[in-house]
Amino acid sequence: MQTEATETLETTAATTTWNRNHPYPATVTENRLLTGPASEKETRHIEIDLADSGIQYLPGDSAGILPQNTCQAVEEVLRRLQFTGDEPVTDFYGKPTSLREALTSWLMIGKLSSSTLRQWATITAHPDLTALVQPGNKDKLDAYLWGREFLDLLDHAPAKLDTAQLLFKLLPRLAPRLYSISSSQALHPDAIHLSVRVVKYESFGRSRWGVCSGQIGERTPPGGTLPIFIHSNQLFRLPPDPAVPVIMIGPGTGIAPFRAFLEHKQAGVGQWPMWLFFGDQRASQDFLYEDELIRATKNGLLQRLDTAFSRDQAFKIYVQDRIRENSAELWRWLDQGAYFYVCGDSKRMAPDVEAALLQAVAEHSGKGPEYAQEFLAGMKKQKRYLRDVY
């Protein structure tokens, strides 16, 4: 997954040397485009060398990446605040650093937070900002924040700060991002693979990039380094029984952990029967790892592959539609004890997939919706229904 998540992070016991406060400077060995030239998305396959780091991971784990703001963004913020960048400041741990380094590695300037806007409204007394932070204006505040960066706020309401250190109170900490690992260490002992969608969009007359995805995809070619650590996800593991069937729902970059699952099986760790549902916009442009998945299906590594390319026909088809089309077979796998995994979008895809799952159980068990709810609750209790959504 690529996910740009900022939840509480933890490290595995095997990698305590390297963590969010002390990441490993890993060398990128491959950075290649997965999507076609006409795709509306830019998704990249990244390979990272672990060398002699001692880092260990399992399928289902994520790589934490510490992002940096671009030099251009940092210099523009410094210019608007009338600082040189050489001003001494102390970081969140009380260690001395320069303001330029703080804006590069410590402070979130690539996304505007509500707390920053509220404090800036107090500092500047700007009427537009003062109105936005009034009680009852949450919708207008959220609309203002979307697609804006700290730089936009400085342009809208210029001000000069008394000291550079105040920025540590104004701006949130630049948090690590988590990306689902798309490789198995059983197959690649000294490497981590990631599947990263590079976030790009236009807003308010400026081209925008995801802070971390842009750094990984566009600013770190082979030979460059990324500061990484491992985030252990004990709640997204392959079944301990190596013969239990596995159903995987992973549209877009949600395929990442399932590529790791397949590689783990390929390495001979287990014999899990595997069924993958993959979807994206267009088969010709967005079929991530197409050659690998077709080969895995032909050689029996992957028992079933169902795809849903939403833009390849007049009406849109998604992975949840494929689940409904194959609901009888899906129920047969579930009735045999299959684990059910979902990775990807939490807002629409994951709820729609769950609804299709409940419909399949209700219909093909012959016991109706109430039983389907009970069956799903049982799967959750048995840790057979596992989600990594964002």
Protein backbone atom coordinates (compact mmCIF):
# COMPACT_ATOMS: atom_id res chain seq x y z
CA MET A 1 0.00 0.00 0.00
CA GLN A 2 0.96 3.09 -0.49
CA THR A 3 -0.35 4.63 1.82
CA GLU A 4 0.51 8.30 3.19
CA ALA A 5 -0.69 7.22 6.75
CA THR A 6 0.32 9.00 9.94
CA GLU A 7 -1.02 6.75 12.66
CA THR A 8 1.00 5.70 15.70
CA LEU A 9 4.04 3.79 14.53
CA GLU A 10 5.77 0.78 16.02
CA THR A 11 8.84 -1.22 15.08
CA THR A 12 9.50 -4.93 15.17
CA ALA A 13 11.83 -6.34 17.78
CA ALA A 14 14.18 -7.37 14.98
CA THR A 15 14.60 -3.79 13.79
CA THR A 16 14.80 -1.74 16.98
CA THR A 17 18.15 -0.33 15.84
CA TRP A 18 16.32 1.50 13.07
CA ASN A 19 13.17 3.46 13.92
CA ARG A 20 11.36 6.70 13.11
CA ASN A 21 13.88 8.69 15.14
CA HIS A 22 16.83 6.75 13.75
CA PRO A 23 15.93 5.54 10.23
CA TYR A 24 18.20 3.48 8.00
CA PRO A 25 19.57 5.42 4.98
CA ALA A 26 18.68 2.83 2.33
CA THR A 27 19.85 3.04 -1.26
CA VAL A 28 17.27 2.87 -4.04
CA THR A 29 18.34 0.36 -6.69
CA GLU A 30 15.31 0.54 -9.00
CA ASN A 31 12.64 3.15 -9.68
CA ARG A 32 10.45 2.26 -12.65
CA LEU A 33 7.03 3.24 -13.93
CA LEU A 34 4.29 0.61 -13.59
CA THR A 35 1.53 2.56 -15.34
CA GLY A 36 1.30 3.23 -19.06
CA PRO A 37 1.95 6.57 -20.80
CA ALA A 38 -1.78 7.32 -21.17
CA SER A 39 -2.69 6.49 -17.56
CA GLU A 40 -4.29 9.16 -15.40
CA LYS A 41 -2.10 7.92 -12.54
CA GLU A 42 1.63 7.59 -11.96
CA THR A 43 2.44 4.43 -10.04
CA ARG A 44 6.03 3.31 -9.54
CA HIS A 45 7.83 0.14 -8.48
CA ILE A 46 10.64 0.97 -6.05
CA GLU A 47 13.37 -1.44 -4.94
CA ILE A 48 15.46 -0.55 -1.90
CA ASP A 49 18.72 -2.21 -0.80
CA LEU A 50 18.87 -3.25 2.86
CA ALA A 51 22.59 -4.14 2.62
CA ASP A 52 23.92 -5.08 6.07
CA SER A 53 21.23 -3.14 7.99
CA GLY A 54 19.89 -6.25 9.73
CA ILE A 55 16.33 -5.09 8.91
CA GLN A 56 13.76 -7.89 8.90
CA TYR A 57 10.13 -7.80 7.81
CA LEU A 58 7.19 -10.07 7.02
CA PRO A 59 4.43 -9.91 4.38
CA GLY A 60 1.83 -7.46 5.67
CA ASP A 61 4.38 -5.09 7.19
CA SER A 62 4.91 -1.53 5.97
CA ALA A 63 7.98 0.58 5.35
CA GLY A 64 8.01 3.92 7.12
CA ILE A 65 9.61 6.69 5.06
CA LEU A 66 10.69 10.01 6.54
CA PRO A 67 9.87 12.61 3.90
CA GLN A 68 11.55 15.92 3.22
CA ASN A 69 10.04 19.10 1.85
CA THR A 70 11.45 20.35 -1.46
CA CYS A 71 14.27 22.89 -1.48
CA GLN A 72 12.08 25.22 -3.54
CA ALA A 73 9.21 25.13 -1.03
CA VAL A 74 11.60 25.75 1.87
CA GLU A 75 13.26 28.71 0.16
CA GLU A 76 9.91 30.28 -0.72
CA VAL A 77 8.69 30.00 2.87
CA LEU A 78 11.95 31.54 4.14
CA ARG A 79 11.65 34.43 1.69
CA ARG A 80 8.07 35.23 2.68
CA LEU A 81 8.92 35.10 6.38
CA GLN A 82 12.05 37.20 5.78
CA PHE A 83 14.40 34.66 7.35
CA THR A 84 17.77 33.57 5.94
CA GLY A 85 17.46 29.92 6.91
CA ASP A 86 20.61 30.05 9.03
CA GLU A 87 18.71 31.08 12.17
CA PRO A 88 19.44 28.64 15.05
CA VAL A 89 16.42 26.73 16.39
CA THR A 90 15.88 23.62 18.50
CA ASP A 91 13.92 20.66 17.17
CA PHE A 92 11.09 18.79 18.94
CA TYR A 93 13.68 16.95 21.05
CA GLY A 94 15.56 20.07 22.08
CA LYS A 95 18.50 19.47 19.74
CA PRO A 96 19.98 22.47 17.91
CA THR A 97 19.52 22.78 14.16
CA SER A 98 19.11 25.50 11.55
CA LEU A 99 15.76 26.87 10.42
CA ARG A 100 16.40 25.65 6.87
CA GLU A 101 16.95 22.10 8.11
CA ALA A 102 13.88 22.37 10.35
CA LEU A 103 11.70 23.41 7.40
CA THR A 104 13.21 20.64 5.29
CA SER A 105 12.98 17.69 7.67
CA TRP A 106 10.93 18.57 10.72
CA LEU A 107 7.99 20.86 9.93
CA MET A 108 4.90 20.23 7.79
CA ILE A 109 4.68 22.95 5.16
CA GLY A 110 3.27 20.86 2.29
CA LYS A 111 -0.21 20.65 3.78
CA LEU A 112 -2.11 23.31 5.68
CA SER A 113 -3.57 22.24 9.02
CA SER A 114 -6.50 23.81 10.84
CA SER A 115 -4.35 24.44 13.93
CA THR A 116 -1.85 26.42 11.85
CA LEU A 117 -4.60 28.49 10.26
CA ARG A 118 -6.21 29.24 13.64
CA GLN A 119 -2.93 30.44 15.11
CA TRP A 120 -2.13 32.46 11.99
CA ALA A 121 -5.54 34.11 12.22
CA THR A 122 -4.66 35.22 15.75
CA ILE A 123 -1.21 36.50 14.72
CA THR A 124 -2.39 38.43 11.66
CA ALA A 125 -5.98 39.34 12.65
CA HIS A 126 -6.73 38.96 8.93
CA PRO A 127 -10.53 39.33 8.48
CA ASP A 128 -10.86 36.40 6.06
CA LEU A 129 -9.06 34.02 8.41
CA THR A 130 -10.83 35.38 11.47
CA ALA A 131 -14.17 34.64 9.82
CA LEU A 132 -13.12 31.10 8.85
CA VAL A 133 -12.23 30.08 12.41
CA GLN A 134 -15.53 31.20 13.90
CA PRO A 135 -17.77 28.50 15.41
CA GLY A 136 -20.15 27.07 12.82
CA ASN A 137 -17.80 27.64 9.89
CA LYS A 138 -16.24 24.16 9.80
CA ASP A 139 -17.35 23.40 6.22
CA LYS A 140 -15.88 26.67 4.94
CA LEU A 141 -12.70 26.08 6.93
CA ASP A 142 -12.30 22.55 5.51
CA ALA A 143 -12.90 23.87 1.98
CA TYR A 144 -10.23 26.52 2.47
CA LEU A 145 -7.68 24.02 3.79
CA TRP A 146 -8.10 21.53 0.94
CA GLY A 147 -5.29 21.78 -1.60
CA ARG A 148 -3.46 24.57 0.21
CA GLU A 149 0.01 24.63 1.73
CA PHE A 150 1.62 26.87 4.34
CA LEU A 151 2.99 28.93 1.46
CA ASP A 152 -0.55 29.74 0.29
CA LEU A 153 -1.42 30.99 3.76
CA LEU A 154 1.64 33.26 3.79
CA ASP A 155 0.60 34.69 0.43
CA HIS A 156 -2.97 35.27 1.61
CA ALA A 157 -2.06 36.84 4.95
CA PRO A 158 1.59 37.94 5.09
CA ALA A 159 3.21 38.45 8.48
CA LYS A 160 6.64 38.46 10.09
CA LEU A 161 7.41 36.34 13.14
CA ASP A 162 9.39 37.61 16.09
CA THR A 163 11.54 34.45 16.21
CA ALA A 164 12.09 31.46 13.95
CA GLN A 165 11.45 29.12 16.88
CA LEU A 166 7.75 30.08 16.81
CA LEU A 167 7.36 27.90 13.72
CA PHE A 168 7.64 24.82 15.95
CA LYS A 169 4.43 25.97 17.66
CA LEU A 170 2.71 26.97 14.44
CA LEU A 171 3.44 23.96 12.27
CA PRO A 172 2.79 20.24 12.95
CA ARG A 173 5.65 17.78 12.84
CA LEU A 174 6.41 16.31 9.43
CA ALA A 175 5.31 12.72 10.05
CA PRO A 176 6.59 9.51 8.47
CA ARG A 177 4.46 7.90 5.77
CA LEU A 178 3.72 4.18 5.65
CA TYR A 179 3.80 2.13 2.47
CA SER A 180 2.79 -1.53 2.34
CA ILE A 181 5.77 -3.67 1.43
CA SER A 182 5.22 -5.50 -1.86
CA SER A 183 7.97 -8.11 -1.52
CA SER A 184 8.82 -11.14 0.60
CA GLN A 185 12.15 -11.24 2.37
CA ALA A 186 12.11 -15.00 1.87
CA LEU A 187 12.59 -14.26 -1.85
CA HIS A 188 14.58 -11.00 -1.52
CA PRO A 189 16.74 -11.29 1.63
CA ASP A 190 18.43 -7.91 1.21
CA ALA A 191 15.71 -5.79 -0.37
CA ILE A 192 12.34 -4.14 0.12
CA HIS A 193 9.96 -3.45 -2.77
CA LEU A 194 7.30 -0.73 -2.68
CA SER A 195 4.42 0.12 -5.03
CA VAL A 196 3.93 3.88 -4.80
CA ARG A 197 1.33 6.06 -6.44
CA VAL A 198 2.83 9.51 -6.93
CA VAL A 199 0.22 12.08 -5.89
CA LYS A 200 -0.06 15.00 -8.33
CA TYR A 201 -2.76 17.64 -8.69
CA GLU A 202 -3.40 21.28 -9.49
CA SER A 203 -4.99 23.71 -7.06
CA PHE A 204 -5.16 27.49 -6.77
CA GLY A 205 -2.90 27.99 -9.77
CA ARG A 206 -0.08 25.74 -8.55
CA SER A 207 1.09 22.23 -9.34
CA ARG A 208 1.12 20.10 -6.19
CA TRP A 209 2.94 16.89 -5.29
CA GLY A 210 2.49 14.47 -2.42
CA VAL A 211 5.28 15.33 0.01
CA CYS A 212 6.51 11.76 0.39
CA SER A 213 5.25 10.12 -2.82
CA GLY A 214 6.84 12.91 -4.84
CA GLN A 215 10.12 12.45 -2.99
CA ILE A 216 10.10 8.69 -3.58
CA GLY A 217 8.84 8.66 -7.13
CA GLU A 218 10.35 11.78 -8.66
CA ARG A 219 13.28 12.89 -6.50
CA THR A 220 14.93 9.59 -5.60
CA PRO A 221 16.39 7.88 -8.68
CA PRO A 222 18.54 4.73 -8.45
CA GLY A 223 21.54 5.54 -6.30
CA GLY A 224 19.57 7.96 -4.14
CA THR A 225 18.73 7.20 -0.51
CA LEU A 226 15.54 7.04 1.52
CA PRO A 227 15.40 7.06 5.34
CA ILE A 228 13.34 3.97 6.25
CA PHE A 229 12.22 1.80 9.16
CA ILE A 230 9.78 -1.10 9.50
CA HIS A 231 6.24 -0.78 10.84
CA SER A 232 5.07 -4.20 11.97
CA ASN A 233 1.45 -5.06 11.18
CA GLN A 234 0.56 -8.11 13.25
CA LEU A 235 -3.07 -7.77 12.17
CA PHE A 236 -2.39 -8.45 8.49
CA ARG A 237 -0.56 -11.77 8.37
CA LEU A 238 -0.91 -14.88 6.22
CA PRO A 239 -2.74 -17.78 7.92
CA PRO A 240 -0.51 -19.79 10.26
CA ASP A 241 -1.85 -22.93 8.63
CA PRO A 242 -0.04 -23.03 5.24
CA ALA A 243 -2.91 -24.91 3.57
CA VAL A 244 -5.74 -22.47 4.38
CA PRO A 245 -7.23 -20.64 1.34
CA VAL A 246 -6.63 -16.91 0.97
CA ILE A 247 -8.93 -14.37 -0.77
CA MET A 248 -7.26 -11.02 -1.50
CA ILE A 249 -9.03 -7.78 -2.53
CA GLY A 250 -6.44 -5.24 -3.66
CA PRO A 251 -7.35 -2.64 -6.29
CA GLY A 252 -4.70 -0.13 -7.35
CA THR A 253 -1.70 0.02 -5.03
CA GLY A 254 -3.75 -2.10 -2.64
CA ILE A 255 -2.13 -4.98 -4.49
CA ALA A 256 1.18 -4.33 -2.67
CA PRO A 257 0.84 -6.70 0.32
CA PHE A 258 -0.69 -9.38 -1.90
CA ARG A 259 2.33 -9.34 -4.19
CA ALA A 260 4.30 -9.98 -0.99
CA PHE A 261 1.92 -12.84 -0.09
CA LEU A 262 2.45 -14.41 -3.53
CA GLU A 263 6.22 -14.07 -3.27
CA HIS A 264 6.15 -15.71 0.18
CA LYS A 265 4.30 -18.66 -1.35
CA GLN A 266 6.69 -18.68 -4.31
CA ALA A 267 9.60 -18.93 -1.86
CA GLY A 268 8.07 -22.16 -0.51
CA VAL A 269 7.01 -20.84 2.90
CA GLY A 270 3.43 -22.13 2.47
CA GLN A 271 0.99 -23.61 -0.02
CA TRP A 272 -2.02 -21.35 0.59
CA PRO A 273 -4.57 -21.53 -2.28
CA MET A 274 -4.82 -17.88 -3.43
CA TRP A 275 -7.54 -15.88 -5.16
CA LEU A 276 -6.86 -12.24 -6.09
CA PHE A 277 -9.34 -9.53 -7.07
CA PHE A 278 -7.52 -6.61 -8.70
CA GLY A 279 -8.97 -3.47 -10.24
CA ASP A 280 -8.02 -0.09 -11.63
CA GLN A 281 -9.07 2.22 -14.47
CA ARG A 282 -7.78 0.68 -17.72
CA ALA A 283 -6.22 -2.71 -18.41
CA SER A 284 -3.87 -1.29 -21.06
CA GLN A 285 -2.49 1.41 -18.73
CA ASP A 286 -3.14 0.44 -15.11
CA PHE A 287 -2.73 -3.34 -14.82
CA LEU A 288 0.00 -3.25 -12.16
CA TYR A 289 2.38 -6.23 -12.28
CA GLU A 290 0.36 -7.70 -15.16
CA ASP A 291 3.10 -10.01 -16.42
CA GLU A 292 3.82 -11.34 -12.92
CA LEU A 293 0.15 -12.00 -12.16
CA ILE A 294 -0.55 -13.70 -15.48
CA ARG A 295 2.52 -15.89 -15.00
CA ALA A 296 1.49 -16.71 -11.42
CA THR A 297 -1.93 -17.80 -12.68
CA LYS A 298 -0.47 -19.98 -15.43
CA ASN A 299 2.02 -21.74 -13.16
CA GLY A 300 -0.51 -22.37 -10.40
CA LEU A 301 0.96 -19.98 -7.84
CA LEU A 302 -2.29 -18.00 -8.05
CA GLN A 303 -5.40 -20.17 -8.27
CA ARG A 304 -7.75 -17.41 -9.45
CA LEU A 305 -7.37 -13.88 -10.75
CA ASP A 306 -10.43 -11.67 -11.28
CA THR A 307 -9.91 -8.16 -12.62
CA ALA A 308 -12.16 -5.10 -12.81
CA PHE A 309 -11.11 -2.20 -15.04
CA SER A 310 -13.67 0.52 -14.47
CA ARG A 311 -13.10 2.60 -17.63
CA ASP A 312 -12.86 -0.22 -20.19
CA GLN A 313 -16.61 -0.37 -20.87
CA ALA A 314 -19.59 1.97 -20.97
CA PHE A 315 -20.53 1.23 -17.36
CA LYS A 316 -18.02 1.13 -14.53
CA ILE A 317 -17.06 -2.22 -13.02
CA TYR A 318 -15.27 -2.47 -9.67
CA VAL A 319 -13.84 -5.30 -7.57
CA GLN A 320 -17.06 -5.47 -5.53
CA ASP A 321 -18.95 -6.20 -8.76
CA ARG A 322 -16.61 -9.10 -9.50
CA ILE A 323 -17.22 -10.40 -5.99
CA ARG A 324 -20.96 -10.40 -6.67
CA GLU A 325 -20.47 -12.15 -10.01
CA ASN A 326 -18.44 -14.91 -8.31
CA SER A 327 -20.39 -14.98 -5.05
CA ALA A 328 -21.22 -18.70 -5.14
CA GLU A 329 -17.56 -19.69 -5.49
CA LEU A 330 -16.57 -17.06 -2.93
CA TRP A 331 -18.97 -18.61 -0.41
CA ARG A 332 -17.50 -22.05 -1.12
CA TRP A 333 -14.02 -20.76 -0.25
CA LEU A 334 -15.28 -18.99 2.88
CA ASP A 335 -17.18 -22.07 3.99
CA GLN A 336 -13.89 -23.97 3.73
CA GLY A 337 -12.26 -21.54 6.17
CA ALA A 338 -10.69 -19.04 3.77
CA TYR A 339 -9.14 -15.85 5.12
CA PHE A 340 -10.47 -12.65 3.52
CA TYR A 341 -8.09 -9.68 3.08
CA VAL A 342 -8.85 -6.13 1.93
CA CYS A 343 -6.23 -3.46 1.18
CA GLY A 344 -6.81 0.03 -0.20
CA ASP A 345 -9.34 2.84 -0.02
CA SER A 346 -11.28 2.99 3.25
CA LYS A 347 -13.97 5.46 2.18
CA ARG A 348 -15.71 3.70 -0.70
CA MET A 349 -13.98 0.50 -1.78
CA ALA A 350 -13.73 -1.24 1.60
CA PRO A 351 -17.39 -0.64 2.63
CA ASP A 352 -18.61 -1.69 -0.84
CA VAL A 353 -16.52 -4.86 -0.67
CA GLU A 354 -17.91 -5.68 2.76
CA ALA A 355 -21.46 -5.20 1.49
CA ALA A 356 -20.75 -7.58 -1.42
CA LEU A 357 -19.23 -10.09 0.99
CA LEU A 358 -22.31 -9.98 3.25
CA GLN A 359 -24.59 -10.39 0.23
CA ALA A 360 -22.64 -13.45 -0.92
CA VAL A 361 -22.86 -15.10 2.51
CA ALA A 362 -26.55 -14.27 2.94
CA GLU A 363 -27.49 -15.67 -0.47
CA HIS A 364 -25.34 -18.76 -0.80
CA SER A 365 -25.46 -19.93 2.80
CA GLY A 366 -29.22 -19.95 2.38
CA LYS A 367 -29.57 -18.38 5.81
CA GLY A 368 -30.16 -14.71 5.00
CA PRO A 369 -28.75 -11.31 6.05
CA GLU A 370 -28.87 -11.87 9.82
CA TYR A 371 -26.75 -15.00 9.53
CA ALA A 372 -24.35 -13.13 7.21
CA GLN A 373 -23.75 -10.53 9.90
CA GLU A 374 -23.12 -13.29 12.45
CA PHE A 375 -20.80 -15.08 10.04
CA LEU A 376 -18.78 -11.89 9.44
CA ALA A 377 -18.55 -11.23 13.17
CA GLY A 378 -17.22 -14.76 13.59
CA MET A 379 -14.61 -14.18 10.88
CA LYS A 380 -13.45 -11.03 12.65
CA LYS A 381 -13.21 -12.86 15.95
CA GLN A 382 -11.22 -15.66 14.33
CA LYS A 383 -9.00 -13.04 12.62
CA ARG A 384 -10.04 -14.36 9.21
CA TYR A 385 -11.35 -10.97 8.00
CA LEU A 386 -8.36 -8.64 7.82
CA ARG A 387 -8.17 -5.10 6.46
CA ASP A 388 -5.36 -2.68 5.78
CA VAL A 389 -7.27 0.39 4.60
CA TYR A 390 -6.44 4.08 4.46
